[in-house]
Amino acid sequence: MTTRTALRAWTLATTAALTTTLAAAQGPAPIPVSTGLPQGTYASMFKDLSEICGAAAGLALVEKPASGSDESIDRLLRNEVSAAFVQTDVLHARRTTEDLGSVRALVALHPEPVHLLALTEPLLEGGVFGLGGRKVHFNTLGDLGKRRVGAWGGALVTARLVQLQAEVDFRVTEFNGPEDAMQALRARRIDAVLAVGGAPLAWMRGLDRGVKLLSVPEPWAGKLRHVYRPATLRYSHLGTQSVATVATEAVLAVRDVRSVAAAAPLLRLRTCLQQELDQLRDTVGRHSAWAQVDATAMPHWPVFERVSGRATTAKN
């Protein structure tokens, strides 16, 4: 070996060792994760996951709040985040008009019930100065035909899917979040609110019995069954013991990365979630949606996998 060749080999080895040392000193690379609105189910679950798996799996999870699943999917497609909490019904809806081949499910999470809310007091229509009017009661999804329904974030897509598939022709109005939508409901500018999320929804704790949950019974539940599954809601502070509805599935979605370096932290995150699920379920203060997560469940979306030392995808 010539002196020049030996010097070049020494330089390369030293550079590689220095790079490894600097990377170790700097800690793990940040993993940006798109969640949802502050105080929402996704934000709470991210906090739990970050606290448990950040240390256990050596991951630097960084939250990126989003307005809903649509924005989170956009971030994945634009390569702005490594992972995102999203609704599968939004994924399926968007796949009909665009290529989502680069989006994969890392793990299935919890069911996300559709919450339909209306005022308990019936609406008075017609009449003069409140006299001779007709009382309109809202009790089920079927009562919302030709009515105004408010939604925000990923629930906007859900509302339009429900409208189309259940064949209930309500009008969808977009809001920035639950506060704006509930204010419009109380002012009778809309007739109902449609929200989607792991029950119980934190923002609903502030509601009283002036608001009630509407059911999604047959035949409407049956019309929705190829995208949604049956679910039950219970909010005792609203006087609700059991209300039939439907639910989509939440997944932690990732980009279809192919390099081992990019895939490794995502796979560690999945392994940690599966191994630490009992702790996430059982620790007081963690979100109750963890109790509905099945570590062995297959997502209703193509799954991210890794075979023979490289990243690949399994079709679903």
Protein backbone atom coordinates (compact mmCIF):
# COMPACT_ATOMS: atom_id res chain seq x y z
CA MET A 1 0.00 0.00 0.00
CA THR A 2 1.41 3.39 -0.99
CA THR A 3 1.72 6.23 1.48
CA ARG A 4 -0.99 8.17 -0.39
CA THR A 5 -3.38 5.19 -0.35
CA ALA A 6 -2.75 4.56 3.32
CA LEU A 7 -3.34 8.23 4.12
CA ARG A 8 -6.59 8.21 2.16
CA ALA A 9 -7.81 5.07 3.97
CA TRP A 10 -6.90 6.58 7.35
CA THR A 11 -8.75 9.79 6.45
CA LEU A 12 -11.90 7.92 5.44
CA ALA A 13 -11.85 5.78 8.58
CA THR A 14 -11.28 8.80 10.80
CA THR A 15 -14.09 10.75 9.12
CA ALA A 16 -16.53 7.85 9.52
CA ALA A 17 -15.61 7.42 13.18
CA LEU A 18 -15.94 11.15 13.82
CA THR A 19 -19.33 11.24 12.09
CA THR A 20 -20.57 8.34 14.22
CA THR A 21 -19.28 9.98 17.38
CA LEU A 22 -20.90 13.32 16.55
CA ALA A 23 -24.22 11.65 15.71
CA ALA A 24 -24.18 9.78 18.99
CA ALA A 25 -23.35 12.97 20.88
CA GLN A 26 -26.16 14.85 19.18
CA GLY A 27 -28.70 12.13 20.02
CA PRO A 28 -31.32 10.56 17.77
CA ALA A 29 -32.62 12.44 14.75
CA PRO A 30 -35.99 14.13 15.34
CA ILE A 31 -39.07 12.25 14.11
CA PRO A 32 -41.78 14.82 13.31
CA VAL A 33 -45.28 13.43 13.90
CA SER A 34 -48.45 15.18 12.72
CA THR A 35 -51.23 14.95 15.33
CA GLY A 36 -54.41 17.02 15.55
CA LEU A 37 -55.99 19.90 17.42
CA PRO A 38 -54.59 20.74 20.88
CA GLN A 39 -56.37 18.81 23.65
CA GLY A 40 -57.68 16.34 21.07
CA THR A 41 -57.35 12.55 21.12
CA TYR A 42 -54.32 12.48 18.80
CA ALA A 43 -52.46 15.14 20.75
CA SER A 44 -53.08 13.29 24.03
CA MET A 45 -52.02 9.93 22.59
CA PHE A 46 -48.88 11.47 21.10
CA LYS A 47 -47.93 12.84 24.50
CA ASP A 48 -48.38 9.39 26.05
CA LEU A 49 -46.41 7.68 23.28
CA SER A 50 -43.60 10.23 23.43
CA GLU A 51 -43.22 9.86 27.18
CA ILE A 52 -43.15 6.06 27.05
CA CYS A 53 -41.28 5.35 23.82
CA GLY A 54 -39.05 8.39 23.66
CA ALA A 55 -36.80 6.96 26.36
CA ALA A 56 -37.54 3.23 25.94
CA ALA A 57 -36.78 3.17 22.20
CA GLY A 58 -34.37 6.10 22.04
CA LEU A 59 -36.63 8.14 19.80
CA ALA A 60 -36.92 11.91 19.53
CA LEU A 61 -40.61 12.33 18.69
CA VAL A 62 -41.63 15.90 17.82
CA GLU A 63 -45.29 16.90 17.69
CA LYS A 64 -46.66 18.89 14.76
CA PRO A 65 -50.28 19.89 15.55
CA ALA A 66 -52.66 19.74 12.59
CA SER A 67 -56.22 20.81 11.81
CA GLY A 68 -57.19 17.23 10.97
CA SER A 69 -56.41 14.11 8.93
CA ASP A 70 -56.46 15.98 5.61
CA GLU A 71 -53.64 18.28 6.67
CA SER A 72 -51.68 15.38 8.17
CA ILE A 73 -51.95 13.36 4.94
CA ASP A 74 -50.81 16.42 2.97
CA ARG A 75 -47.76 16.65 5.23
CA LEU A 76 -46.87 13.01 4.59
CA LEU A 77 -47.23 13.49 0.85
CA ARG A 78 -45.05 16.63 0.97
CA ASN A 79 -42.42 14.80 3.04
CA GLU A 80 -42.80 17.27 5.93
CA VAL A 81 -43.34 14.63 8.64
CA SER A 82 -42.28 11.04 9.20
CA ALA A 83 -45.57 9.87 10.72
CA ALA A 84 -49.12 11.05 11.28
CA PHE A 85 -52.25 10.12 13.21
CA VAL A 86 -55.03 9.83 10.61
CA GLN A 87 -58.51 8.42 10.03
CA THR A 88 -58.75 5.54 7.56
CA ASP A 89 -62.02 6.83 6.10
CA VAL A 90 -60.18 9.99 5.02
CA LEU A 91 -57.45 7.86 3.42
CA HIS A 92 -60.01 5.77 1.53
CA ALA A 93 -61.91 8.86 0.39
CA ARG A 94 -58.79 10.58 -0.91
CA ARG A 95 -57.52 7.45 -2.65
CA THR A 96 -60.45 7.71 -5.09
CA THR A 97 -59.06 10.93 -6.58
CA GLU A 98 -55.29 10.90 -5.91
CA ASP A 99 -52.27 8.63 -5.57
CA LEU A 100 -51.65 7.68 -1.95
CA GLY A 101 -49.16 4.94 -2.80
CA SER A 102 -46.49 6.53 -0.60
CA VAL A 103 -48.69 6.40 2.53
CA ARG A 104 -48.57 3.25 4.66
CA ALA A 105 -49.98 2.25 8.04
CA LEU A 106 -47.35 1.64 10.71
CA VAL A 107 -49.88 0.39 13.26
CA ALA A 108 -53.64 0.22 13.76
CA LEU A 109 -54.88 2.29 16.67
CA HIS A 110 -58.38 2.71 18.11
CA PRO A 111 -61.88 3.03 16.68
CA GLU A 112 -62.98 6.63 16.16
CA PRO A 113 -66.76 6.92 16.61
CA VAL A 114 -68.87 9.42 14.73
CA HIS A 115 -70.41 11.84 17.26
CA LEU A 116 -73.60 13.55 16.11
CA LEU A 117 -74.70 16.34 18.45
CA ALA A 118 -77.86 18.45 18.50
CA LEU A 119 -79.63 20.66 21.00
CA THR A 120 -81.92 18.81 23.38
CA GLU A 121 -84.66 21.44 23.01
CA PRO A 122 -86.59 20.86 19.79
CA LEU A 123 -86.41 23.38 16.97
CA LEU A 124 -89.53 25.49 16.49
CA GLU A 125 -90.27 26.11 12.83
CA GLY A 126 -92.99 28.30 11.31
CA GLY A 127 -95.64 30.17 13.23
CA VAL A 128 -95.70 33.81 14.24
CA PHE A 129 -93.89 35.10 17.34
CA GLY A 130 -93.47 31.53 18.52
CA LEU A 131 -97.15 30.66 18.10
CA GLY A 132 -98.48 27.99 15.79
CA GLY A 133 -95.05 26.63 14.98
CA ARG A 134 -94.00 23.03 14.48
CA LYS A 135 -91.57 21.35 16.86
CA VAL A 136 -88.78 19.48 15.08
CA HIS A 137 -86.96 16.82 17.11
CA PHE A 138 -83.51 15.54 16.12
CA ASN A 139 -82.88 12.02 17.41
CA THR A 140 -81.15 10.06 14.64
CA LEU A 141 -78.99 10.57 11.57
CA GLY A 142 -82.13 10.14 9.48
CA ASP A 143 -83.63 13.31 10.98
CA LEU A 144 -80.90 15.46 9.40
CA GLY A 145 -82.11 15.37 5.81
CA LYS A 146 -81.98 18.90 4.31
CA ARG A 147 -80.52 20.16 7.61
CA ARG A 148 -77.27 22.03 8.33
CA VAL A 149 -74.42 20.01 9.89
CA GLY A 150 -71.16 21.55 11.11
CA ALA A 151 -67.79 19.79 11.04
CA TRP A 152 -64.04 20.51 11.00
CA GLY A 153 -60.76 18.77 10.19
CA GLY A 154 -61.03 15.14 9.13
CA ALA A 155 -64.69 15.12 10.17
CA LEU A 156 -65.45 17.19 7.06
CA VAL A 157 -64.53 14.18 4.92
CA THR A 158 -66.46 11.89 7.24
CA ALA A 159 -69.53 14.12 6.99
CA ARG A 160 -69.46 14.02 3.20
CA LEU A 161 -68.93 10.25 3.14
CA VAL A 162 -71.82 9.71 5.56
CA GLN A 163 -73.98 12.08 3.54
CA LEU A 164 -73.24 10.17 0.33
CA GLN A 165 -73.28 6.58 1.55
CA ALA A 166 -76.12 6.81 4.06
CA GLU A 167 -78.12 8.85 1.53
CA VAL A 168 -79.02 11.57 4.02
CA ASP A 169 -78.89 14.86 2.14
CA PHE A 170 -77.73 17.28 4.84
CA ARG A 171 -75.66 20.39 4.11
CA VAL A 172 -72.11 20.48 5.49
CA THR A 173 -70.72 23.70 6.98
CA GLU A 174 -66.99 23.97 7.76
CA PHE A 175 -65.71 25.34 11.09
CA ASN A 176 -62.25 25.87 12.59
CA GLY A 177 -62.89 23.63 15.58
CA PRO A 178 -65.40 22.46 18.18
CA GLU A 179 -65.74 25.83 19.90
CA ASP A 180 -66.87 27.60 16.72
CA ALA A 181 -69.18 24.76 15.75
CA MET A 182 -70.86 24.51 19.16
CA GLN A 183 -71.35 28.27 19.24
CA ALA A 184 -73.13 28.05 15.88
CA LEU A 185 -75.24 25.14 17.14
CA ARG A 186 -76.40 27.02 20.22
CA ALA A 187 -77.26 30.03 18.05
CA ARG A 188 -79.31 27.72 15.77
CA ARG A 189 -77.19 28.66 12.75
CA ILE A 190 -76.72 24.92 12.23
CA ASP A 191 -78.87 21.99 13.32
CA ALA A 192 -76.20 19.45 14.30
CA VAL A 193 -72.47 18.96 14.77
CA LEU A 194 -70.53 15.96 13.45
CA ALA A 195 -67.25 15.16 15.21
CA VAL A 196 -64.94 12.16 14.93
CA GLY A 197 -62.44 10.95 17.52
CA GLY A 198 -61.54 8.43 20.17
CA ALA A 199 -64.20 8.52 22.87
CA PRO A 200 -64.44 10.26 25.20
CA LEU A 201 -63.66 13.48 23.36
CA ALA A 202 -61.98 15.83 25.82
CA TRP A 203 -63.77 18.97 24.60
CA MET A 204 -67.15 17.35 25.26
CA ARG A 205 -66.51 17.37 29.02
CA GLY A 206 -67.65 20.97 29.11
CA LEU A 207 -71.06 20.22 27.57
CA ASP A 208 -74.26 19.93 29.60
CA ARG A 209 -77.62 18.25 29.04
CA GLY A 210 -78.71 21.07 26.77
CA VAL A 211 -76.89 19.00 24.13
CA LYS A 212 -77.63 15.40 23.18
CA LEU A 213 -76.11 12.66 21.03
CA LEU A 214 -77.99 11.42 17.99
CA SER A 215 -77.93 7.74 17.06
CA VAL A 216 -76.99 6.07 13.78
CA PRO A 217 -79.40 3.11 13.67
CA GLU A 218 -80.48 0.86 10.81
CA PRO A 219 -80.93 1.26 7.92
CA TRP A 220 -78.30 4.00 7.84
CA ALA A 221 -75.69 2.01 9.78
CA GLY A 222 -75.99 -0.82 7.26
CA LYS A 223 -75.42 1.55 4.34
CA LEU A 224 -72.18 2.72 5.98
CA ARG A 225 -70.85 -0.72 6.87
CA HIS A 226 -68.34 -1.16 4.05
CA VAL A 227 -66.30 1.80 5.39
CA TYR A 228 -67.43 2.08 9.02
CA ARG A 229 -68.16 -0.44 11.76
CA PRO A 230 -70.82 -0.39 14.49
CA ALA A 231 -69.91 1.41 17.72
CA THR A 232 -71.54 2.63 20.91
CA LEU A 233 -71.14 5.97 22.68
CA ARG A 234 -71.60 6.60 26.40
CA TYR A 235 -71.43 10.08 27.93
CA SER A 236 -73.12 9.93 31.33
CA HIS A 237 -72.86 13.69 31.96
CA LEU A 238 -75.14 14.19 28.94
CA GLY A 239 -77.60 11.68 30.32
CA THR A 240 -76.48 9.21 27.66
CA GLN A 241 -76.02 5.60 28.70
CA SER A 242 -75.76 4.00 25.27
CA VAL A 243 -76.12 5.48 21.77
CA ALA A 244 -75.56 3.44 18.61
CA THR A 245 -73.24 4.99 16.04
CA VAL A 246 -70.52 4.00 13.57
CA ALA A 247 -66.76 4.34 13.77
CA THR A 248 -63.76 4.62 11.48
CA GLU A 249 -60.28 3.43 12.47
CA ALA A 250 -57.34 5.58 13.46
CA VAL A 251 -53.90 4.55 12.25
CA LEU A 252 -50.40 5.85 12.73
CA ALA A 253 -49.42 6.37 9.10
CA VAL A 254 -45.90 6.80 7.73
CA ARG A 255 -44.18 7.56 4.46
CA ASP A 256 -43.10 4.57 2.39
CA VAL A 257 -39.39 5.05 3.10
CA ARG A 258 -37.02 2.47 1.61
CA SER A 259 -33.64 3.05 3.25
CA VAL A 260 -32.74 1.13 6.39
CA ALA A 261 -31.68 4.35 8.11
CA ALA A 262 -35.11 5.94 7.59
CA ALA A 263 -37.08 2.77 8.34
CA ALA A 264 -35.26 1.73 11.52
CA PRO A 265 -36.68 4.39 13.89
CA LEU A 266 -40.21 3.85 12.57
CA LEU A 267 -39.94 0.11 13.19
CA ARG A 268 -38.57 0.77 16.69
CA LEU A 269 -41.56 3.00 17.33
CA ARG A 270 -43.97 0.25 16.27
CA THR A 271 -42.16 -2.35 18.38
CA CYS A 272 -42.18 -0.05 21.41
CA LEU A 273 -45.89 0.69 21.06
CA GLN A 274 -46.68 -3.02 20.85
CA GLN A 275 -44.44 -3.97 23.77
CA GLU A 276 -45.51 -1.10 26.02
CA LEU A 277 -49.22 -1.18 25.19
CA ASP A 278 -50.18 -2.57 28.61
CA GLN A 279 -48.37 0.33 30.28
CA LEU A 280 -50.11 2.80 27.97
CA ARG A 281 -53.47 1.19 28.81
CA ASP A 282 -53.00 0.76 32.55
CA THR A 283 -51.19 3.90 33.71
CA VAL A 284 -53.57 6.36 35.35
CA GLY A 285 -53.82 9.58 33.35
CA ARG A 286 -53.17 8.05 29.93
CA HIS A 287 -55.87 8.48 27.29
CA SER A 288 -58.62 5.87 27.56
CA ALA A 289 -58.43 5.17 23.79
CA TRP A 290 -55.33 3.03 24.44
CA ALA A 291 -57.63 0.44 26.00
CA GLN A 292 -59.18 -0.08 22.55
CA VAL A 293 -55.88 -0.61 20.72
CA ASP A 294 -55.12 -4.19 19.69
CA ALA A 295 -51.38 -4.77 19.18
CA THR A 296 -52.07 -7.69 16.82
CA ALA A 297 -54.73 -5.98 14.67
CA MET A 298 -54.07 -5.45 10.98
CA PRO A 299 -54.89 -1.94 9.76
CA HIS A 300 -57.50 -1.45 7.05
CA TRP A 301 -54.80 0.12 4.89
CA PRO A 302 -51.57 -1.19 3.26
CA VAL A 303 -49.01 -1.87 5.98
CA PHE A 304 -45.43 -0.67 6.21
CA GLU A 305 -43.00 -3.59 6.53
CA ARG A 306 -39.32 -4.39 6.29
CA VAL A 307 -37.91 -7.63 4.88
CA SER A 308 -34.34 -8.90 4.43
CA GLY A 309 -32.68 -5.76 5.73
CA ARG A 310 -34.57 -3.30 3.61
CA ALA A 311 -37.81 -1.40 3.78
CA THR A 312 -40.73 -2.69 1.75
CA THR A 313 -44.51 -2.72 1.96
CA ALA A 314 -47.11 -5.40 2.43
CA LYS A 315 -50.32 -5.02 0.48
CA ASN A 316 -53.60 -5.01 2.36
